[in-house]
Amino acid sequence: MSKVKNPTDEVLLLKNQICFSLYSSMHRLMKIYRPLLAAVGLTYPQYIVMLVLWEEEESTVSGLGDRLQLDSGTLTPLLKRLEQNGLIQRKRNPDDERVVIVSLTKNGKQLREKAKSIPEQIFCLSGIDETQAIQLKEILDHFAST
């Protein structure tokens, strides 16, 4: 293969792509998360659902989808598995049968205690310091909101 000769072609080098940096960073982060989440019996998508429920105690399915930016085709199987595992319960809203309310079970609430150490472990295993982590999160939040 020949090297890039035209300086304007630098923009097309893989090493210069923000998207690839995000992709490879996310891949590495998931490798760090996987064993920690496996220890509490969750996958990453299940974990983020539980994070919302630990914060709010209950939510509608559509509220979860909005908050997590997941469509119902992705969210429904996650909720079904969490329900089968005894961590959540789903009930139709008696005032509007079209609305499904998701809430934590006793086991779901107890799992929160087991999962409390995960964020700190992720931080320690990530190899970045607190200042870098805060800056990175601010940049990513800004990027996601534009």
N, C-alpha and C. Protein backbone atom coordinates (compact mmCIF):
# COMPACT_ATOMS: atom_id res chain seq x y z
N MET A 1 0.84 -1.18 0.00
CA MET A 1 0.00 0.00 0.00
C MET A 1 0.88 1.25 0.00
N SER A 2 0.42 2.25 -0.68
CA SER A 2 1.18 3.49 -0.72
C SER A 2 0.71 4.42 0.39
N LYS A 3 1.63 5.26 0.81
CA LYS A 3 1.31 6.25 1.84
C LYS A 3 0.52 7.39 1.21
N VAL A 4 -0.21 8.11 2.06
CA VAL A 4 -0.97 9.27 1.60
C VAL A 4 0.03 10.35 1.20
N LYS A 5 -0.08 10.87 -0.01
CA LYS A 5 0.86 11.87 -0.50
C LYS A 5 0.27 13.27 -0.47
N ASN A 6 -1.00 13.38 -0.64
CA ASN A 6 -1.66 14.67 -0.67
C ASN A 6 -2.07 15.06 0.76
N PRO A 7 -1.55 16.19 1.27
CA PRO A 7 -1.89 16.57 2.66
C PRO A 7 -3.39 16.71 2.91
N THR A 8 -4.17 17.02 1.89
CA THR A 8 -5.61 17.14 2.10
C THR A 8 -6.25 15.78 2.34
N ASP A 9 -5.55 14.72 1.97
CA ASP A 9 -6.08 13.37 2.21
C ASP A 9 -5.94 12.95 3.67
N GLU A 10 -5.24 13.73 4.47
CA GLU A 10 -5.10 13.43 5.90
C GLU A 10 -6.46 13.30 6.58
N VAL A 11 -7.45 14.04 6.11
CA VAL A 11 -8.77 13.99 6.73
C VAL A 11 -9.40 12.61 6.59
N LEU A 12 -8.93 11.82 5.65
CA LEU A 12 -9.51 10.49 5.44
C LEU A 12 -8.72 9.37 6.11
N LEU A 13 -7.71 9.71 6.88
CA LEU A 13 -6.97 8.68 7.60
C LEU A 13 -7.78 8.21 8.80
N LEU A 14 -7.82 6.92 9.01
CA LEU A 14 -8.57 6.34 10.13
C LEU A 14 -8.16 6.97 11.45
N LYS A 15 -6.88 7.17 11.64
CA LYS A 15 -6.39 7.72 12.92
C LYS A 15 -6.90 9.13 13.19
N ASN A 16 -7.41 9.81 12.19
CA ASN A 16 -7.92 11.17 12.35
C ASN A 16 -9.44 11.24 12.50
N GLN A 17 -10.08 10.11 12.60
CA GLN A 17 -11.55 10.07 12.64
C GLN A 17 -12.06 10.05 14.09
N ILE A 18 -12.86 11.04 14.45
CA ILE A 18 -13.48 11.08 15.77
C ILE A 18 -14.38 9.86 15.95
N CYS A 19 -15.11 9.50 14.90
CA CYS A 19 -16.04 8.37 15.01
C CYS A 19 -15.30 7.08 15.39
N PHE A 20 -14.10 6.88 14.83
CA PHE A 20 -13.37 5.66 15.16
C PHE A 20 -12.83 5.71 16.59
N SER A 21 -12.41 6.89 17.03
CA SER A 21 -11.96 7.02 18.42
C SER A 21 -13.10 6.70 19.38
N LEU A 22 -14.30 7.20 19.08
CA LEU A 22 -15.46 6.89 19.93
C LEU A 22 -15.80 5.41 19.88
N TYR A 23 -15.78 4.84 18.68
CA TYR A 23 -16.09 3.43 18.50
C TYR A 23 -15.12 2.55 19.27
N SER A 24 -13.82 2.78 19.11
CA SER A 24 -12.84 1.93 19.78
C SER A 24 -12.85 2.15 21.29
N SER A 25 -13.11 3.38 21.72
CA SER A 25 -13.22 3.65 23.16
C SER A 25 -14.43 2.93 23.77
N MET A 26 -15.54 2.96 23.05
CA MET A 26 -16.74 2.28 23.53
C MET A 26 -16.51 0.76 23.60
N HIS A 27 -15.82 0.24 22.61
CA HIS A 27 -15.50 -1.19 22.60
C HIS A 27 -14.66 -1.55 23.84
N ARG A 28 -13.67 -0.74 24.13
CA ARG A 28 -12.82 -0.98 25.31
C ARG A 28 -13.63 -0.86 26.59
N LEU A 29 -14.48 0.15 26.67
CA LEU A 29 -15.29 0.35 27.86
C LEU A 29 -16.22 -0.84 28.10
N MET A 30 -16.80 -1.37 27.04
CA MET A 30 -17.68 -2.54 27.19
C MET A 30 -16.90 -3.76 27.68
N LYS A 31 -15.65 -3.88 27.26
CA LYS A 31 -14.81 -4.99 27.75
C LYS A 31 -14.56 -4.85 29.25
N ILE A 32 -14.47 -3.61 29.72
CA ILE A 32 -14.28 -3.38 31.16
C ILE A 32 -15.58 -3.66 31.91
N TYR A 33 -16.70 -3.21 31.38
CA TYR A 33 -18.00 -3.40 32.02
C TYR A 33 -18.43 -4.87 32.11
N ARG A 34 -18.18 -5.63 31.04
CA ARG A 34 -18.75 -6.98 30.91
C ARG A 34 -18.56 -7.85 32.17
N PRO A 35 -17.34 -8.04 32.68
CA PRO A 35 -17.22 -8.92 33.85
C PRO A 35 -17.84 -8.34 35.12
N LEU A 36 -17.80 -7.02 35.25
CA LEU A 36 -18.39 -6.38 36.44
C LEU A 36 -19.90 -6.55 36.44
N LEU A 37 -20.51 -6.40 35.28
CA LEU A 37 -21.95 -6.57 35.18
C LEU A 37 -22.35 -8.04 35.27
N ALA A 38 -21.53 -8.91 34.71
CA ALA A 38 -21.82 -10.35 34.80
C ALA A 38 -21.87 -10.79 36.26
N ALA A 39 -21.04 -10.18 37.08
CA ALA A 39 -21.00 -10.53 38.51
C ALA A 39 -22.31 -10.21 39.22
N VAL A 40 -23.09 -9.25 38.68
CA VAL A 40 -24.39 -8.92 39.27
C VAL A 40 -25.54 -9.42 38.39
N GLY A 41 -25.20 -10.17 37.33
CA GLY A 41 -26.22 -10.80 36.51
C GLY A 41 -26.90 -9.90 35.49
N LEU A 42 -26.19 -8.85 35.03
CA LEU A 42 -26.79 -7.93 34.08
C LEU A 42 -25.93 -7.79 32.83
N THR A 43 -26.58 -7.47 31.73
CA THR A 43 -25.88 -7.03 30.53
C THR A 43 -25.83 -5.50 30.59
N TYR A 44 -25.05 -4.88 29.71
CA TYR A 44 -24.99 -3.42 29.73
C TYR A 44 -26.36 -2.78 29.46
N PRO A 45 -27.10 -3.21 28.43
CA PRO A 45 -28.42 -2.60 28.23
C PRO A 45 -29.36 -2.77 29.43
N GLN A 46 -29.30 -3.93 30.08
CA GLN A 46 -30.11 -4.14 31.28
C GLN A 46 -29.65 -3.21 32.41
N TYR A 47 -28.35 -3.01 32.51
CA TYR A 47 -27.78 -2.14 33.54
C TYR A 47 -28.30 -0.71 33.39
N ILE A 48 -28.34 -0.19 32.17
CA ILE A 48 -28.79 1.20 32.02
C ILE A 48 -30.29 1.34 32.31
N VAL A 49 -31.06 0.28 32.02
CA VAL A 49 -32.47 0.29 32.42
C VAL A 49 -32.57 0.34 33.95
N MET A 50 -31.77 -0.51 34.59
CA MET A 50 -31.80 -0.54 36.06
C MET A 50 -31.32 0.78 36.65
N LEU A 51 -30.35 1.43 36.04
CA LEU A 51 -29.90 2.73 36.54
C LEU A 51 -31.05 3.73 36.58
N VAL A 52 -31.84 3.76 35.53
CA VAL A 52 -32.99 4.68 35.50
C VAL A 52 -33.98 4.30 36.60
N LEU A 53 -34.27 3.02 36.74
CA LEU A 53 -35.25 2.59 37.75
C LEU A 53 -34.72 2.78 39.17
N TRP A 54 -33.43 2.61 39.38
CA TRP A 54 -32.87 2.88 40.71
C TRP A 54 -32.98 4.37 41.04
N GLU A 55 -32.95 5.19 40.02
CA GLU A 55 -33.07 6.63 40.20
C GLU A 55 -34.53 7.05 40.40
N GLU A 56 -35.44 6.47 39.63
CA GLU A 56 -36.82 6.93 39.62
C GLU A 56 -37.81 5.98 40.30
N GLU A 57 -37.40 4.76 40.63
CA GLU A 57 -38.23 3.71 41.24
C GLU A 57 -39.24 3.10 40.27
N GLU A 58 -39.86 3.93 39.42
CA GLU A 58 -40.75 3.39 38.40
C GLU A 58 -40.80 4.37 37.23
N SER A 59 -41.21 3.81 36.09
CA SER A 59 -41.28 4.61 34.87
C SER A 59 -42.23 3.93 33.91
N THR A 60 -42.74 4.69 32.98
CA THR A 60 -43.49 4.06 31.89
C THR A 60 -42.48 3.49 30.90
N VAL A 61 -42.93 2.55 30.10
CA VAL A 61 -42.05 1.99 29.07
C VAL A 61 -41.62 3.09 28.12
N SER A 62 -42.56 3.94 27.73
CA SER A 62 -42.19 5.03 26.80
C SER A 62 -41.23 6.01 27.47
N GLY A 63 -41.37 6.25 28.76
CA GLY A 63 -40.45 7.12 29.49
C GLY A 63 -39.04 6.54 29.52
N LEU A 64 -38.95 5.23 29.73
CA LEU A 64 -37.64 4.56 29.68
C LEU A 64 -37.02 4.69 28.29
N GLY A 65 -37.84 4.44 27.28
CA GLY A 65 -37.36 4.53 25.91
C GLY A 65 -36.83 5.91 25.59
N ASP A 66 -37.56 6.93 26.01
CA ASP A 66 -37.12 8.32 25.78
C ASP A 66 -35.81 8.60 26.51
N ARG A 67 -35.76 8.21 27.76
CA ARG A 67 -34.58 8.51 28.59
C ARG A 67 -33.34 7.79 28.08
N LEU A 68 -33.51 6.55 27.62
CA LEU A 68 -32.38 5.73 27.18
C LEU A 68 -32.14 5.78 25.67
N GLN A 69 -33.01 6.48 24.97
CA GLN A 69 -32.93 6.58 23.52
C GLN A 69 -32.99 5.18 22.88
N LEU A 70 -33.93 4.37 23.37
CA LEU A 70 -34.14 3.02 22.86
C LEU A 70 -35.57 2.91 22.32
N ASP A 71 -35.72 2.22 21.20
CA ASP A 71 -37.07 2.02 20.68
C ASP A 71 -37.70 0.81 21.38
N SER A 72 -39.01 0.68 21.22
CA SER A 72 -39.74 -0.38 21.93
C SER A 72 -39.30 -1.77 21.49
N GLY A 73 -38.86 -1.91 20.24
CA GLY A 73 -38.38 -3.20 19.76
C GLY A 73 -37.12 -3.66 20.46
N THR A 74 -36.33 -2.72 20.94
CA THR A 74 -35.12 -3.03 21.70
C THR A 74 -35.43 -3.14 23.18
N LEU A 75 -36.27 -2.25 23.67
CA LEU A 75 -36.56 -2.16 25.09
C LEU A 75 -37.42 -3.32 25.60
N THR A 76 -38.41 -3.72 24.85
CA THR A 76 -39.34 -4.76 25.31
C THR A 76 -38.64 -6.07 25.67
N PRO A 77 -37.73 -6.60 24.82
CA PRO A 77 -37.04 -7.83 25.24
C PRO A 77 -36.16 -7.64 26.48
N LEU A 78 -35.57 -6.46 26.63
CA LEU A 78 -34.78 -6.18 27.84
C LEU A 78 -35.65 -6.24 29.08
N LEU A 79 -36.82 -5.61 29.00
CA LEU A 79 -37.73 -5.59 30.13
C LEU A 79 -38.27 -6.98 30.43
N LYS A 80 -38.55 -7.73 29.39
CA LYS A 80 -39.05 -9.09 29.57
C LYS A 80 -38.02 -9.94 30.32
N ARG A 81 -36.75 -9.82 29.94
CA ARG A 81 -35.70 -10.59 30.61
C ARG A 81 -35.52 -10.13 32.06
N LEU A 82 -35.54 -8.84 32.30
CA LEU A 82 -35.42 -8.33 33.67
C LEU A 82 -36.59 -8.79 34.53
N GLU A 83 -37.78 -8.87 33.92
CA GLU A 83 -38.95 -9.36 34.64
C GLU A 83 -38.81 -10.85 34.94
N GLN A 84 -38.34 -11.62 33.96
CA GLN A 84 -38.12 -13.06 34.17
C GLN A 84 -37.10 -13.31 35.27
N ASN A 85 -36.13 -12.40 35.38
CA ASN A 85 -35.10 -12.53 36.42
C ASN A 85 -35.55 -11.99 37.77
N GLY A 86 -36.80 -11.51 37.85
CA GLY A 86 -37.36 -11.07 39.12
C GLY A 86 -36.89 -9.70 39.59
N LEU A 87 -36.37 -8.87 38.67
CA LEU A 87 -35.84 -7.57 39.06
C LEU A 87 -36.83 -6.43 38.88
N ILE A 88 -37.77 -6.61 37.96
CA ILE A 88 -38.78 -5.59 37.70
C ILE A 88 -40.14 -6.25 37.56
N GLN A 89 -41.16 -5.43 37.59
CA GLN A 89 -42.50 -5.88 37.23
C GLN A 89 -43.11 -4.86 36.30
N ARG A 90 -43.92 -5.36 35.38
CA ARG A 90 -44.63 -4.48 34.44
C ARG A 90 -46.12 -4.62 34.70
N LYS A 91 -46.78 -3.47 34.75
CA LYS A 91 -48.23 -3.46 34.96
C LYS A 91 -48.85 -2.41 34.05
N ARG A 92 -50.03 -2.72 33.57
CA ARG A 92 -50.78 -1.74 32.79
C ARG A 92 -51.33 -0.68 33.74
N ASN A 93 -51.31 0.55 33.29
CA ASN A 93 -51.88 1.65 34.06
C ASN A 93 -53.40 1.47 34.07
N PRO A 94 -54.02 1.38 35.24
CA PRO A 94 -55.48 1.17 35.28
C PRO A 94 -56.27 2.32 34.65
N ASP A 95 -55.68 3.51 34.61
CA ASP A 95 -56.36 4.67 34.02
C ASP A 95 -56.21 4.73 32.51
N ASP A 96 -55.19 4.06 31.99
CA ASP A 96 -54.94 4.04 30.54
C ASP A 96 -54.23 2.74 30.20
N GLU A 97 -54.97 1.77 29.74
CA GLU A 97 -54.45 0.42 29.46
C GLU A 97 -53.31 0.41 28.44
N ARG A 98 -53.17 1.48 27.67
CA ARG A 98 -52.10 1.53 26.67
C ARG A 98 -50.74 1.80 27.31
N VAL A 99 -50.75 2.31 28.53
CA VAL A 99 -49.52 2.68 29.23
C VAL A 99 -49.08 1.53 30.14
N VAL A 100 -47.81 1.13 29.99
CA VAL A 100 -47.23 0.09 30.84
C VAL A 100 -46.26 0.75 31.81
N ILE A 101 -46.45 0.45 33.10
CA ILE A 101 -45.59 1.01 34.14
C ILE A 101 -44.61 -0.07 34.58
N VAL A 102 -43.35 0.30 34.63
CA VAL A 102 -42.27 -0.60 35.02
C VAL A 102 -41.78 -0.16 36.40
N SER A 103 -41.70 -1.09 37.33
CA SER A 103 -41.21 -0.76 38.67
C SER A 103 -40.28 -1.85 39.17
N LEU A 104 -39.49 -1.49 40.15
CA LEU A 104 -38.54 -2.43 40.74
C LEU A 104 -39.25 -3.39 41.68
N THR A 105 -38.78 -4.62 41.70
CA THR A 105 -39.20 -5.58 42.72
C THR A 105 -38.26 -5.43 43.91
N LYS A 106 -38.53 -6.19 44.93
CA LYS A 106 -37.63 -6.20 46.10
C LYS A 106 -36.23 -6.61 45.66
N ASN A 107 -36.14 -7.65 44.82
CA ASN A 107 -34.83 -8.10 44.34
C ASN A 107 -34.14 -7.03 43.50
N GLY A 108 -34.91 -6.30 42.71
CA GLY A 108 -34.36 -5.22 41.91
C GLY A 108 -33.78 -4.11 42.76
N LYS A 109 -34.47 -3.80 43.85
CA LYS A 109 -33.98 -2.78 44.78
C LYS A 109 -32.72 -3.26 45.49
N GLN A 110 -32.69 -4.54 45.86
CA GLN A 110 -31.52 -5.09 46.55
C GLN A 110 -30.29 -5.16 45.63
N LEU A 111 -30.52 -5.36 44.35
CA LEU A 111 -29.41 -5.44 43.39
C LEU A 111 -28.65 -4.12 43.34
N ARG A 112 -29.34 -3.03 43.62
CA ARG A 112 -28.70 -1.71 43.63
C ARG A 112 -27.49 -1.69 44.55
N GLU A 113 -27.60 -2.31 45.70
CA GLU A 113 -26.49 -2.35 46.66
C GLU A 113 -25.29 -3.09 46.07
N LYS A 114 -25.55 -4.19 45.37
CA LYS A 114 -24.46 -4.96 44.76
C LYS A 114 -23.79 -4.17 43.64
N ALA A 115 -24.56 -3.34 42.97
CA ALA A 115 -24.05 -2.61 41.80
C ALA A 115 -23.39 -1.28 42.17
N LYS A 116 -23.50 -0.87 43.41
CA LYS A 116 -22.97 0.44 43.81
C LYS A 116 -21.48 0.62 43.51
N SER A 117 -20.73 -0.44 43.56
CA SER A 117 -19.27 -0.32 43.36
C SER A 117 -18.87 -0.28 41.88
N ILE A 118 -19.79 -0.56 40.98
CA ILE A 118 -19.44 -0.64 39.55
C ILE A 118 -18.88 0.68 39.01
N PRO A 119 -19.53 1.82 39.23
CA PRO A 119 -18.97 3.07 38.68
C PRO A 119 -17.54 3.35 39.14
N GLU A 120 -17.26 3.12 40.41
CA GLU A 120 -15.91 3.36 40.92
C GLU A 120 -14.91 2.38 40.29
N GLN A 121 -15.32 1.13 40.14
CA GLN A 121 -14.43 0.16 39.50
C GLN A 121 -14.15 0.53 38.05
N ILE A 122 -15.17 0.98 37.35
CA ILE A 122 -15.00 1.41 35.96
C ILE A 122 -14.02 2.57 35.90
N PHE A 123 -14.18 3.52 36.80
CA PHE A 123 -13.29 4.67 36.84
C PHE A 123 -11.85 4.22 37.07
N CYS A 124 -11.64 3.34 38.02
CA CYS A 124 -10.28 2.86 38.33
C CYS A 124 -9.67 2.09 37.16
N LEU A 125 -10.49 1.29 36.49
CA LEU A 125 -9.99 0.45 35.40
C LEU A 125 -9.84 1.20 34.07
N SER A 126 -10.40 2.39 33.98
CA SER A 126 -10.39 3.12 32.71
C SER A 126 -9.04 3.73 32.39
N GLY A 127 -8.24 4.00 33.41
CA GLY A 127 -6.92 4.57 33.17
C GLY A 127 -6.92 6.08 32.97
N ILE A 128 -8.05 6.74 33.24
CA ILE A 128 -8.06 8.20 33.14
C ILE A 128 -8.33 8.78 34.52
N ASP A 129 -7.82 9.98 34.76
CA ASP A 129 -8.02 10.57 36.07
C ASP A 129 -9.37 11.30 36.14
N GLU A 130 -9.71 11.76 37.32
CA GLU A 130 -11.03 12.35 37.55
C GLU A 130 -11.25 13.59 36.68
N THR A 131 -10.25 14.43 36.55
CA THR A 131 -10.38 15.65 35.73
C THR A 131 -10.64 15.28 34.28
N GLN A 132 -9.90 14.32 33.77
CA GLN A 132 -10.10 13.87 32.39
C GLN A 132 -11.49 13.28 32.21
N ALA A 133 -11.94 12.51 33.18
CA ALA A 133 -13.26 11.89 33.10
C ALA A 133 -14.36 12.95 33.06
N ILE A 134 -14.23 13.96 33.88
CA ILE A 134 -15.23 15.04 33.91
C ILE A 134 -15.23 15.78 32.58
N GLN A 135 -14.04 16.10 32.07
CA GLN A 135 -13.94 16.80 30.79
C GLN A 135 -14.53 15.96 29.65
N LEU A 136 -14.20 14.68 29.64
CA LEU A 136 -14.70 13.80 28.59
C LEU A 136 -16.22 13.72 28.64
N LYS A 137 -16.78 13.57 29.83
CA LYS A 137 -18.24 13.49 29.95
C LYS A 137 -18.89 14.79 29.49
N GLU A 138 -18.32 15.93 29.85
CA GLU A 138 -18.87 17.21 29.41
C GLU A 138 -18.85 17.34 27.88
N ILE A 139 -17.75 16.94 27.27
CA ILE A 139 -17.63 17.00 25.81
C ILE A 139 -18.66 16.07 25.16
N LEU A 140 -18.76 14.84 25.66
CA LEU A 140 -19.70 13.88 25.08
C LEU A 140 -21.15 14.31 25.29
N ASP A 141 -21.46 14.85 26.46
CA ASP A 141 -22.82 15.34 26.71
C ASP A 141 -23.16 16.49 25.76
N HIS A 142 -22.21 17.38 25.56
CA HIS A 142 -22.41 18.50 24.64
C HIS A 142 -22.63 17.97 23.22
N PHE A 143 -21.79 17.03 22.81
CA PHE A 143 -21.90 16.45 21.47
C PHE A 143 -23.26 15.77 21.28
N ALA A 144 -23.69 15.02 22.29
CA ALA A 144 -24.95 14.29 22.18
C ALA A 144 -26.16 15.22 22.15
N SER A 145 -26.02 16.40 22.73
CA SER A 145 -27.16 17.32 22.79
C SER A 145 -27.27 18.26 21.59
N THR A 146 -26.29 18.22 20.71
CA THR A 146 -26.34 19.13 19.55
C THR A 146 -26.97 18.47 18.35
